[in-house]
Amino acid sequence: MAQGFSREPGTHGPLSDVPTRAVRKISLWAVAIALGGFLFGFDTGVISGALLYIKDDFHLNSIQQSSVVSVLLIGAVVGSLLSGRLSDRIGRRKILALVGVAFLAGTAVVTFAGGFVTLLVGRIVLGLSVGAASATVPVYLSEISPPAIRGRLLTLNQLMITVGILAAYLVNLAFASSEMWRAMFAVGAVPAALLLAAALWLLPESPQWLITHGRAEVARRGITALIGPDAADEVVSRAQQRMADDRETRKQQNEEQGHKQLSAPDVRPALVIGLTLAAVQQFGGINSIIYYAPTIIQQTGLNASNSILYSVAIGVINLLMTLVAIRMVDRIGRRPMVLVSLGLMAVSVFLLGLSFIVEMGSELTLLFMVVYIAAYAGGLGPVFWTLIGEVFPPSVRAAGSSASTAVNWMSNFAVSLAFLPLATVIGQGETFWVFAVICVLAFAFVVKYLPETKGRDDEQIDRALHQRFGSRQPHR
């Protein structure tokens, strides 16, 4: 639960509040949960190399190529929207098990696809599982995390996404010489099977979900096993009190359960933050570069194999900077990391566009791509997933994460589908300049509206959001 396992009432307490043994166990659970993030990264990244060979085998035009990439995102929008309500109904653990099954099914369909239509069907199934995982993993991580390490455990999701993207690039490279694009997809069955096994036999249910569904005693026993009975009683008591407060607020506002709660005045600032950052993360251009990195690099004059090799280097930078972000997020905070990230993204993607317009050469183009990826991975990329696990009140956290993730995927779909056609019409360099303008506007939004969430509990975050938006916080 967001208030976690700290023994210090109303605060986020130091890491010493949590026994080392408990931290290790929770970290193991977090890694297993974040396998959903790995599959998110793998299945969105593997298409970048496979597409170079699929387009020849199935004789795809530019619209069909974009469809193969973007149809996964349609499934992801649906999966993310459905997962919030379903996660609240059956639990986080069961959702992850269903995600593992869907990943395995989608991987099988894509691997053995006999034509364009079957390939699209398989990508839609993968999209459903990717969307459900992307909405569920931040919530699940938030609800099992001690507050003192909540930031780094929530950024673990983005780390696993970047590991998945890098793994996809390495798999693409391994099979590039043989042009075995089916094998590229088939490798994804391994982490999917691991996620399913972890959900069935390793992971506990979220304590927050158990308490919400009247199973406080089960939650208390699980927390007691980690940190002792006194602290467990305090954690459960605080969670129950917060639930009672939220129910009273909902009752006073006559709001319905589920996604409609998100329109309540006390939740609205969090919703604006979640939806805006979700859109910015995609309209800033990141996945146009991730999905089409080999294609972009190929346009600088390099052949397909070398393009995939250079995309691996980009994946390595993405991973290393995400590791840096994980170390920094609980030290310097979320807000400064997002601001620095957006500023550097705006400058580097502007220069990337300029490099295509004035033909600076492949070396400078690759340099600007690397700086852009590093800026994103060191800030906006991981911190977005941290924030959507923090800014929403516990009673609507799953719904808020689901809505934010759905907007993220819809934005992803719009950008990935439009990128190649738009670049053809106005030029690739000019398209990158559009991304630069969006990054500048996002920077201004963050300056005005995003509060710092590091070291704050739910009520403190809620208060800071209302102060930023100039709205009145409901009396609790």
Protein backbone atom coordinates (compact mmCIF):
# COMPACT_ATOMS: atom_id res chain seq x y z
CA MET A 1 0.00 0.00 0.00
CA ALA A 2 1.18 3.51 -0.63
CA GLN A 3 1.62 4.19 3.08
CA GLY A 4 3.60 0.98 3.03
CA PHE A 5 5.54 -0.51 5.88
CA SER A 6 6.97 2.53 7.60
CA ARG A 7 6.64 2.45 11.37
CA GLU A 8 6.47 6.21 11.67
CA PRO A 9 2.86 7.41 11.54
CA GLY A 10 2.01 9.94 8.86
CA THR A 11 5.47 10.00 7.36
CA HIS A 12 7.51 8.00 4.92
CA GLY A 13 10.14 7.00 7.47
CA PRO A 14 13.74 6.04 6.80
CA LEU A 15 14.72 2.81 5.13
CA SER A 16 15.88 1.47 8.53
CA ASP A 17 12.19 1.25 9.50
CA VAL A 18 11.95 -1.78 7.22
CA PRO A 19 13.94 -4.94 8.11
CA THR A 20 16.59 -5.84 5.55
CA ARG A 21 15.07 -9.27 5.08
CA ALA A 22 11.72 -7.69 4.24
CA VAL A 23 13.30 -5.25 1.78
CA ARG A 24 14.96 -8.16 -0.03
CA LYS A 25 11.73 -10.12 -0.25
CA ILE A 26 9.73 -7.11 -1.44
CA SER A 27 12.44 -6.35 -4.01
CA LEU A 28 12.18 -9.93 -5.33
CA TRP A 29 8.42 -9.52 -5.67
CA ALA A 30 8.94 -6.20 -7.40
CA VAL A 31 11.27 -7.74 -9.98
CA ALA A 32 8.74 -10.50 -10.66
CA ILE A 33 5.90 -7.99 -11.04
CA ALA A 34 8.06 -5.85 -13.32
CA LEU A 35 8.40 -8.78 -15.74
CA GLY A 36 5.20 -7.25 -17.10
CA GLY A 37 7.26 -4.16 -17.88
CA PHE A 38 9.93 -6.31 -19.54
CA LEU A 39 7.33 -7.83 -21.87
CA PHE A 40 5.96 -4.33 -22.51
CA GLY A 41 9.43 -3.29 -23.67
CA PHE A 42 10.21 -6.48 -25.59
CA ASP A 43 7.02 -6.57 -27.63
CA THR A 44 7.16 -2.86 -28.45
CA GLY A 45 10.88 -3.05 -29.33
CA VAL A 46 11.14 -6.32 -31.26
CA ILE A 47 9.02 -5.00 -34.12
CA SER A 48 11.69 -2.41 -34.99
CA GLY A 49 14.10 -5.04 -36.32
CA ALA A 50 11.56 -7.62 -37.45
CA LEU A 51 9.79 -5.05 -39.62
CA LEU A 52 12.83 -4.76 -41.89
CA TYR A 53 12.24 -8.36 -42.99
CA ILE A 54 8.47 -8.70 -42.56
CA LYS A 55 7.87 -5.92 -45.09
CA ASP A 56 9.74 -7.93 -47.75
CA ASP A 57 8.19 -11.33 -46.89
CA PHE A 58 4.63 -9.99 -46.88
CA HIS A 59 5.25 -7.19 -49.44
CA LEU A 60 3.96 -4.44 -47.14
CA ASN A 61 3.56 -0.81 -48.17
CA SER A 62 4.24 2.10 -45.78
CA ILE A 63 0.65 2.17 -44.47
CA GLN A 64 0.72 -1.58 -43.77
CA GLN A 65 4.09 -1.27 -42.04
CA SER A 66 2.72 1.45 -39.79
CA SER A 67 -0.31 -0.73 -39.10
CA VAL A 68 1.82 -3.66 -37.98
CA VAL A 69 3.53 -1.35 -35.50
CA SER A 70 0.50 0.61 -34.34
CA VAL A 71 -2.16 -2.11 -34.14
CA LEU A 72 -0.48 -3.36 -30.96
CA LEU A 73 -1.27 0.02 -29.49
CA ILE A 74 -4.99 -0.32 -30.23
CA GLY A 75 -4.99 -3.52 -28.20
CA ALA A 76 -2.97 -1.76 -25.50
CA VAL A 77 -5.57 1.01 -25.15
CA VAL A 78 -8.34 -1.57 -24.69
CA GLY A 79 -6.23 -3.68 -22.33
CA SER A 80 -5.30 -0.73 -20.15
CA LEU A 81 -8.91 0.48 -19.90
CA LEU A 82 -10.29 -2.95 -19.02
CA SER A 83 -7.54 -3.84 -16.57
CA GLY A 84 -8.32 -1.11 -14.01
CA ARG A 85 -11.83 -2.31 -13.20
CA LEU A 86 -10.89 -5.99 -13.56
CA SER A 87 -7.87 -5.50 -11.30
CA ASP A 88 -10.11 -3.98 -8.63
CA ARG A 89 -12.51 -6.89 -8.95
CA ILE A 90 -10.24 -9.97 -9.03
CA GLY A 91 -6.93 -8.63 -7.70
CA ARG A 92 -3.54 -7.57 -9.01
CA ARG A 93 -2.01 -11.04 -8.86
CA LYS A 94 -4.69 -12.71 -11.00
CA ILE A 95 -4.47 -9.92 -13.56
CA LEU A 96 -0.74 -10.58 -13.97
CA ALA A 97 -1.45 -14.28 -14.49
CA LEU A 98 -3.95 -13.42 -17.24
CA VAL A 99 -1.36 -11.08 -18.77
CA GLY A 100 1.14 -13.94 -18.93
CA VAL A 101 -1.39 -16.18 -20.69
CA ALA A 102 -2.25 -13.44 -23.20
CA PHE A 103 1.44 -12.81 -23.93
CA LEU A 104 1.97 -16.50 -24.67
CA ALA A 105 -1.08 -16.65 -26.95
CA GLY A 106 -0.17 -13.50 -28.85
CA THR A 107 3.43 -14.62 -29.29
CA ALA A 108 2.27 -17.93 -30.77
CA VAL A 109 -0.06 -16.24 -33.27
CA VAL A 110 2.59 -13.77 -34.45
CA THR A 111 5.33 -16.38 -34.67
CA PHE A 112 3.27 -18.66 -36.93
CA ALA A 113 1.46 -15.91 -38.87
CA GLY A 114 0.93 -16.85 -42.50
CA GLY A 115 0.04 -13.40 -43.73
CA PHE A 116 -0.61 -9.75 -42.97
CA VAL A 117 -4.07 -10.21 -41.37
CA THR A 118 -2.96 -12.99 -39.01
CA LEU A 119 0.04 -10.91 -38.02
CA LEU A 120 -2.28 -8.03 -37.12
CA VAL A 121 -4.46 -10.33 -35.00
CA GLY A 122 -1.43 -11.56 -33.06
CA ARG A 123 -0.20 -8.02 -32.51
CA ILE A 124 -3.64 -7.00 -31.16
CA VAL A 125 -3.55 -9.86 -28.64
CA LEU A 126 -0.05 -8.81 -27.59
CA GLY A 127 -1.37 -5.27 -27.29
CA LEU A 128 -4.12 -6.33 -24.89
CA SER A 129 -1.54 -7.92 -22.62
CA VAL A 130 0.92 -5.02 -22.93
CA GLY A 131 -1.80 -2.51 -22.03
CA ALA A 132 -3.01 -4.53 -19.06
CA ALA A 133 0.54 -4.96 -17.79
CA SER A 134 1.40 -1.28 -18.17
CA ALA A 135 -1.66 -0.25 -16.12
CA THR A 136 -1.35 -2.96 -13.45
CA VAL A 137 2.38 -3.03 -12.74
CA PRO A 138 2.72 0.54 -11.33
CA VAL A 139 -0.31 0.03 -9.05
CA TYR A 140 0.91 -3.35 -7.84
CA LEU A 141 4.42 -2.01 -7.20
CA SER A 142 3.04 1.01 -5.35
CA GLU A 143 0.91 -1.14 -3.09
CA ILE A 144 3.70 -3.49 -2.00
CA SER A 145 6.40 -0.79 -1.64
CA PRO A 146 7.72 0.67 1.62
CA PRO A 147 7.58 4.47 1.17
CA ALA A 148 11.33 4.90 1.74
CA ILE A 149 12.08 2.90 -1.43
CA ARG A 150 8.80 3.47 -3.27
CA GLY A 151 10.39 5.70 -5.89
CA ARG A 152 13.06 3.24 -6.91
CA LEU A 153 10.67 0.27 -6.93
CA LEU A 154 8.21 2.18 -9.11
CA THR A 155 10.99 3.16 -11.51
CA LEU A 156 11.85 -0.54 -11.67
CA ASN A 157 8.94 -0.79 -14.10
CA GLN A 158 10.64 1.59 -16.52
CA LEU A 159 13.96 -0.20 -15.98
CA MET A 160 12.40 -3.49 -17.01
CA ILE A 161 10.79 -1.79 -20.00
CA THR A 162 14.21 -0.58 -21.14
CA VAL A 163 15.76 -4.00 -20.44
CA GLY A 164 12.99 -5.50 -22.56
CA ILE A 165 13.66 -3.05 -25.39
CA LEU A 166 17.40 -3.77 -25.25
CA ALA A 167 16.74 -7.52 -25.16
CA ALA A 168 14.53 -7.13 -28.23
CA TYR A 169 17.29 -5.24 -30.04
CA LEU A 170 19.83 -7.94 -29.13
CA VAL A 171 17.46 -10.68 -30.32
CA ASN A 172 16.94 -8.73 -33.54
CA LEU A 173 20.71 -8.52 -33.98
CA ALA A 174 21.18 -12.24 -33.29
CA PHE A 175 18.73 -13.21 -36.04
CA ALA A 176 19.47 -10.36 -38.47
CA SER A 177 21.93 -12.28 -40.63
CA SER A 178 19.46 -15.15 -41.10
CA GLU A 179 16.50 -12.76 -41.43
CA MET A 180 14.49 -15.04 -39.07
CA TRP A 181 11.91 -12.53 -37.89
CA ARG A 182 9.65 -15.31 -36.56
CA ALA A 183 12.37 -16.38 -34.15
CA MET A 184 12.68 -12.77 -32.96
CA PHE A 185 9.06 -12.87 -31.79
CA ALA A 186 9.23 -16.44 -30.44
CA VAL A 187 11.87 -15.53 -27.84
CA GLY A 188 9.19 -13.48 -26.05
CA ALA A 189 7.52 -16.71 -24.91
CA VAL A 190 10.26 -17.22 -22.29
CA PRO A 191 9.62 -14.08 -20.14
CA ALA A 192 5.87 -14.56 -20.64
CA ALA A 193 6.09 -18.04 -19.12
CA LEU A 194 8.19 -16.66 -16.23
CA LEU A 195 5.59 -13.97 -15.50
CA LEU A 196 2.80 -16.55 -15.46
CA ALA A 197 4.78 -18.80 -13.11
CA ALA A 198 5.57 -15.89 -10.76
CA ALA A 199 1.92 -14.84 -10.62
CA LEU A 200 0.78 -18.39 -9.87
CA TRP A 201 3.40 -19.45 -7.31
CA LEU A 202 5.54 -16.55 -6.04
CA LEU A 203 3.66 -13.29 -5.67
CA PRO A 204 1.33 -12.32 -2.79
CA GLU A 205 -1.81 -10.31 -3.36
CA SER A 206 -1.56 -6.57 -2.76
CA PRO A 207 -2.25 -5.73 0.92
CA GLN A 208 -4.22 -2.65 -0.19
CA TRP A 209 -6.48 -4.78 -2.38
CA LEU A 210 -7.04 -7.30 0.42
CA ILE A 211 -8.01 -4.58 2.89
CA THR A 212 -10.31 -2.92 0.35
CA HIS A 213 -12.12 -6.23 -0.15
CA GLY A 214 -12.68 -6.93 3.53
CA ARG A 215 -9.73 -9.30 3.97
CA ALA A 216 -7.77 -7.18 6.41
CA GLU A 217 -6.79 -10.18 8.52
CA VAL A 218 -5.11 -11.84 5.53
CA ALA A 219 -3.25 -8.59 4.81
CA ARG A 220 -2.27 -8.26 8.47
CA ARG A 221 -0.78 -11.78 8.52
CA GLY A 222 1.26 -11.07 5.40
CA ILE A 223 2.58 -7.74 6.71
CA THR A 224 3.29 -9.26 10.14
CA ALA A 225 5.49 -11.89 8.51
CA LEU A 226 7.55 -9.07 7.00
CA ILE A 227 7.81 -6.41 9.71
CA GLY A 228 6.20 -7.69 12.90
CA PRO A 229 2.74 -7.47 14.52
CA ASP A 230 2.86 -3.94 15.98
CA ALA A 231 3.83 -2.28 12.71
CA ALA A 232 1.36 -4.47 10.81
CA ASP A 233 -1.52 -3.34 13.04
CA GLU A 234 -0.58 0.29 12.45
CA VAL A 235 -0.32 -0.12 8.67
CA VAL A 236 -3.68 -1.89 8.40
CA SER A 237 -5.37 0.63 10.73
CA ARG A 238 -4.11 3.59 8.70
CA ALA A 239 -5.18 1.97 5.42
CA GLN A 240 -8.67 1.28 6.78
CA GLN A 241 -9.00 4.86 8.05
CA ARG A 242 -7.98 6.28 4.68
CA MET A 243 -10.52 4.03 2.96
CA ALA A 244 -13.24 5.25 5.32
CA ASP A 245 -12.28 8.87 4.57
CA ASP A 246 -12.39 8.24 0.82
CA ARG A 247 -15.78 6.53 1.06
CA GLU A 248 -17.18 9.47 3.02
CA THR A 249 -15.86 11.92 0.42
CA ARG A 250 -17.40 9.87 -2.40
CA LYS A 251 -20.68 9.72 -0.52
CA GLN A 252 -20.77 13.49 -0.05
CA GLN A 253 -20.07 14.05 -3.73
CA ASN A 254 -22.60 11.39 -4.82
CA GLU A 255 -20.02 9.84 -7.13
CA GLU A 256 -20.27 6.34 -8.57
CA GLN A 257 -17.60 3.69 -8.27
CA GLY A 258 -14.98 3.04 -10.95
CA HIS A 259 -13.72 5.43 -13.58
CA LYS A 260 -16.47 7.99 -12.87
CA GLN A 261 -14.79 8.70 -9.54
CA LEU A 262 -11.97 10.30 -11.49
CA SER A 263 -14.17 13.29 -12.31
CA ALA A 264 -14.61 14.08 -8.60
CA PRO A 265 -13.22 17.52 -7.67
CA ASP A 266 -10.74 16.12 -5.16
CA VAL A 267 -9.25 13.75 -7.78
CA ARG A 268 -9.27 16.15 -10.74
CA PRO A 269 -5.77 17.67 -10.22
CA ALA A 270 -4.23 14.20 -10.06
CA LEU A 271 -6.13 13.23 -13.21
CA VAL A 272 -4.88 16.29 -15.11
CA ILE A 273 -1.30 15.47 -14.11
CA GLY A 274 -1.66 11.80 -15.04
CA LEU A 275 -3.34 12.35 -18.41
CA THR A 276 -1.12 15.26 -19.47
CA LEU A 277 2.15 13.51 -18.66
CA ALA A 278 0.82 10.34 -20.32
CA ALA A 279 0.25 12.25 -23.55
CA VAL A 280 3.51 14.20 -23.32
CA GLN A 281 5.54 11.03 -22.85
CA GLN A 282 4.46 9.93 -26.33
CA PHE A 283 3.95 13.21 -28.21
CA GLY A 284 7.49 14.11 -27.17
CA GLY A 285 8.56 11.57 -29.80
CA ILE A 286 10.18 8.77 -27.83
CA ASN A 287 8.50 5.78 -29.42
CA SER A 288 8.86 7.14 -32.92
CA ILE A 289 12.58 6.72 -32.29
CA ILE A 290 12.28 3.41 -30.40
CA TYR A 291 10.02 1.76 -33.00
CA TYR A 292 11.71 3.18 -36.06
CA ALA A 293 15.33 3.47 -34.89
CA PRO A 294 16.68 1.00 -37.49
CA THR A 295 14.55 2.63 -40.20
CA ILE A 296 15.74 6.13 -39.23
CA ILE A 297 19.37 5.03 -39.08
CA GLN A 298 19.02 3.20 -42.39
CA GLN A 299 18.02 6.52 -43.98
CA THR A 300 21.43 7.94 -43.02
CA GLY A 301 23.02 5.48 -45.47
CA LEU A 302 23.72 2.39 -43.31
CA ASN A 303 22.48 -1.08 -44.27
CA ALA A 304 19.86 -3.07 -42.31
CA SER A 305 22.30 -5.10 -40.20
CA ASN A 306 24.34 -2.05 -39.21
CA SER A 307 21.12 -0.16 -38.46
CA ILE A 308 20.07 -2.87 -36.01
CA LEU A 309 23.57 -2.85 -34.46
CA TYR A 310 23.40 0.90 -33.84
CA SER A 311 19.90 0.52 -32.40
CA VAL A 312 21.41 -1.86 -29.83
CA ALA A 313 23.75 0.94 -28.75
CA ILE A 314 20.73 3.20 -28.33
CA GLY A 315 19.09 0.49 -26.23
CA VAL A 316 22.18 0.30 -24.00
CA ILE A 317 22.11 4.06 -23.41
CA ASN A 318 18.40 3.81 -22.62
CA LEU A 319 19.11 1.14 -19.99
CA LEU A 320 22.11 2.86 -18.41
CA MET A 321 20.31 6.18 -18.00
CA THR A 322 17.30 4.42 -16.51
CA LEU A 323 19.64 2.90 -13.92
CA VAL A 324 20.90 6.41 -13.16
CA ALA A 325 17.30 7.61 -12.77
CA ILE A 326 16.52 4.80 -10.32
CA ARG A 327 19.43 5.87 -8.11
CA MET A 328 18.43 9.53 -8.24
CA VAL A 329 14.62 9.49 -7.98
CA ASP A 330 14.52 9.05 -4.19
CA ARG A 331 17.41 11.50 -3.73
CA ILE A 332 16.71 14.58 -5.82
CA GLY A 333 13.00 14.08 -6.42
CA ARG A 334 10.57 13.66 -9.29
CA ARG A 335 9.95 17.27 -10.34
CA PRO A 336 13.55 18.37 -11.07
CA MET A 337 14.21 15.15 -12.97
CA VAL A 338 11.22 15.74 -15.24
CA LEU A 339 12.19 19.37 -15.87
CA VAL A 340 15.81 18.59 -16.79
CA SER A 341 14.64 15.69 -18.94
CA LEU A 342 12.13 17.76 -20.95
CA GLY A 343 14.62 20.58 -21.45
CA LEU A 344 17.30 18.27 -22.85
CA MET A 345 14.74 16.39 -24.95
CA ALA A 346 13.59 19.64 -26.57
CA VAL A 347 17.13 20.70 -27.50
CA SER A 348 18.31 17.29 -28.73
CA VAL A 349 15.23 16.48 -30.82
CA PHE A 350 15.43 19.95 -32.40
CA LEU A 351 19.06 19.26 -33.35
CA LEU A 352 18.07 15.79 -34.59
CA GLY A 353 15.58 17.40 -36.93
CA LEU A 354 18.18 19.92 -38.04
CA SER A 355 20.64 17.13 -38.82
CA PHE A 356 18.22 15.69 -41.37
CA ILE A 357 17.32 19.04 -42.90
CA VAL A 358 20.92 20.18 -43.49
CA GLU A 359 22.31 16.62 -43.89
CA MET A 360 24.91 16.74 -41.10
CA GLY A 361 25.80 13.06 -41.60
CA SER A 362 25.12 9.80 -39.78
CA GLU A 363 27.55 10.49 -36.90
CA LEU A 364 25.81 13.66 -35.71
CA THR A 365 22.38 12.16 -36.30
CA LEU A 366 23.28 9.21 -34.07
CA LEU A 367 24.74 11.56 -31.44
CA PHE A 368 21.54 13.62 -31.22
CA MET A 369 19.46 10.42 -31.04
CA VAL A 370 21.62 9.14 -28.17
CA VAL A 371 21.35 12.44 -26.24
CA TYR A 372 17.58 12.45 -26.72
CA ILE A 373 17.23 8.85 -25.52
CA ALA A 374 19.51 9.57 -22.53
CA ALA A 375 17.47 12.66 -21.58
CA TYR A 376 14.20 10.72 -21.77
CA ALA A 377 15.48 7.65 -19.92
CA GLY A 378 17.06 9.75 -17.19
CA GLY A 379 13.84 11.57 -16.33
CA LEU A 380 10.43 11.60 -18.01
CA GLY A 381 10.50 7.92 -18.96
CA PRO A 382 10.78 6.33 -15.50
CA VAL A 383 9.38 9.22 -13.44
CA PHE A 384 6.04 9.16 -15.29
CA TRP A 385 5.41 5.61 -14.07
CA THR A 386 6.45 6.63 -10.56
CA LEU A 387 4.05 9.58 -10.56
CA ILE A 388 0.96 7.68 -11.71
CA GLY A 389 1.57 5.28 -8.83
CA GLU A 390 1.72 8.22 -6.38
CA VAL A 391 -0.58 11.10 -7.34
CA PHE A 392 -3.92 9.28 -7.25
CA PRO A 393 -5.72 8.60 -3.94
CA PRO A 394 -5.71 4.88 -2.99
CA SER A 395 -9.45 4.48 -3.65
CA VAL A 396 -9.02 5.40 -7.33
CA ARG A 397 -5.39 4.45 -7.88
CA ALA A 398 -6.14 1.50 -10.18
CA ALA A 399 -8.70 3.53 -12.15
CA GLY A 400 -6.35 6.52 -12.37
CA SER A 401 -3.44 4.39 -13.51
CA SER A 402 -5.71 2.68 -16.04
CA ALA A 403 -6.95 5.99 -17.48
CA SER A 404 -3.45 7.50 -17.64
CA THR A 405 -2.07 4.38 -19.27
CA ALA A 406 -4.90 4.32 -21.80
CA VAL A 407 -4.12 7.92 -22.80
CA ASN A 408 -0.45 6.96 -22.99
CA TRP A 409 -1.23 4.15 -25.42
CA MET A 410 -3.69 6.23 -27.46
CA SER A 411 -1.03 8.91 -27.82
CA ASN A 412 1.52 6.23 -28.66
CA PHE A 413 -0.82 4.89 -31.35
CA ALA A 414 -1.43 8.31 -32.87
CA VAL A 415 2.26 9.19 -33.02
CA SER A 416 3.49 5.83 -34.32
CA LEU A 417 0.79 5.63 -36.99
CA ALA A 418 1.35 9.20 -38.15
CA PHE A 419 5.16 9.35 -37.96
CA LEU A 420 6.16 7.80 -41.32
CA PRO A 421 3.31 9.38 -43.34
CA LEU A 422 3.89 12.78 -41.70
CA ALA A 423 7.62 12.56 -42.30
CA THR A 424 6.87 11.80 -45.95
CA VAL A 425 4.63 14.87 -46.27
CA ILE A 426 6.50 17.58 -44.30
CA GLY A 427 9.95 15.98 -43.99
CA GLN A 428 11.56 13.89 -41.26
CA GLY A 429 13.50 16.81 -39.80
CA GLU A 430 10.41 19.01 -39.57
CA THR A 431 8.53 16.17 -37.84
CA PHE A 432 11.18 16.07 -35.13
CA TRP A 433 10.75 19.84 -34.70
CA VAL A 434 7.07 19.24 -33.89
CA PHE A 435 8.25 16.96 -31.05
CA ALA A 436 10.58 19.73 -29.86
CA VAL A 437 7.72 22.24 -29.58
CA ILE A 438 5.66 19.74 -27.56
CA CYS A 439 8.58 19.21 -25.15
CA VAL A 440 8.81 22.99 -24.58
CA LEU A 441 5.08 23.25 -23.85
CA ALA A 442 5.31 20.28 -21.48
CA PHE A 443 8.20 21.95 -19.65
CA ALA A 444 5.97 24.98 -18.98
CA PHE A 445 3.14 22.74 -17.74
CA VAL A 446 5.42 20.93 -15.28
CA VAL A 447 6.81 24.22 -13.95
CA LYS A 448 3.30 25.42 -13.11
CA TYR A 449 1.38 22.33 -12.06
CA LEU A 450 3.56 19.39 -10.97
CA PRO A 451 4.38 19.29 -7.23
CA GLU A 452 7.17 17.26 -5.70
CA THR A 453 5.97 13.87 -4.39
CA LYS A 454 9.22 12.54 -2.94
CA GLY A 455 8.95 11.78 0.77
CA ARG A 456 5.24 12.68 0.98
CA ASP A 457 2.30 10.53 1.99
CA ASP A 458 -1.03 10.47 0.15
CA GLU A 459 -2.56 13.38 2.06
CA GLN A 460 0.52 15.59 1.62
CA ILE A 461 0.60 14.87 -2.13
CA ASP A 462 -3.12 15.62 -2.39
CA ARG A 463 -2.65 18.93 -0.57
CA ALA A 464 0.28 19.92 -2.80
CA LEU A 465 -1.73 19.14 -5.96
CA HIS A 466 -4.63 21.35 -4.86
CA GLN A 467 -2.24 24.17 -3.99
CA ARG A 468 -0.66 23.99 -7.45
CA PHE A 469 -4.05 24.02 -9.17
CA GLY A 470 -5.50 26.67 -6.86
CA SER A 471 -8.42 24.41 -5.95
CA ARG A 472 -9.92 23.69 -2.56
CA GLN A 473 -9.02 20.40 -0.92
CA PRO A 474 -12.13 18.60 0.40
CA HIS A 475 -12.33 18.32 4.18
CA ARG A 476 -11.58 14.81 5.38
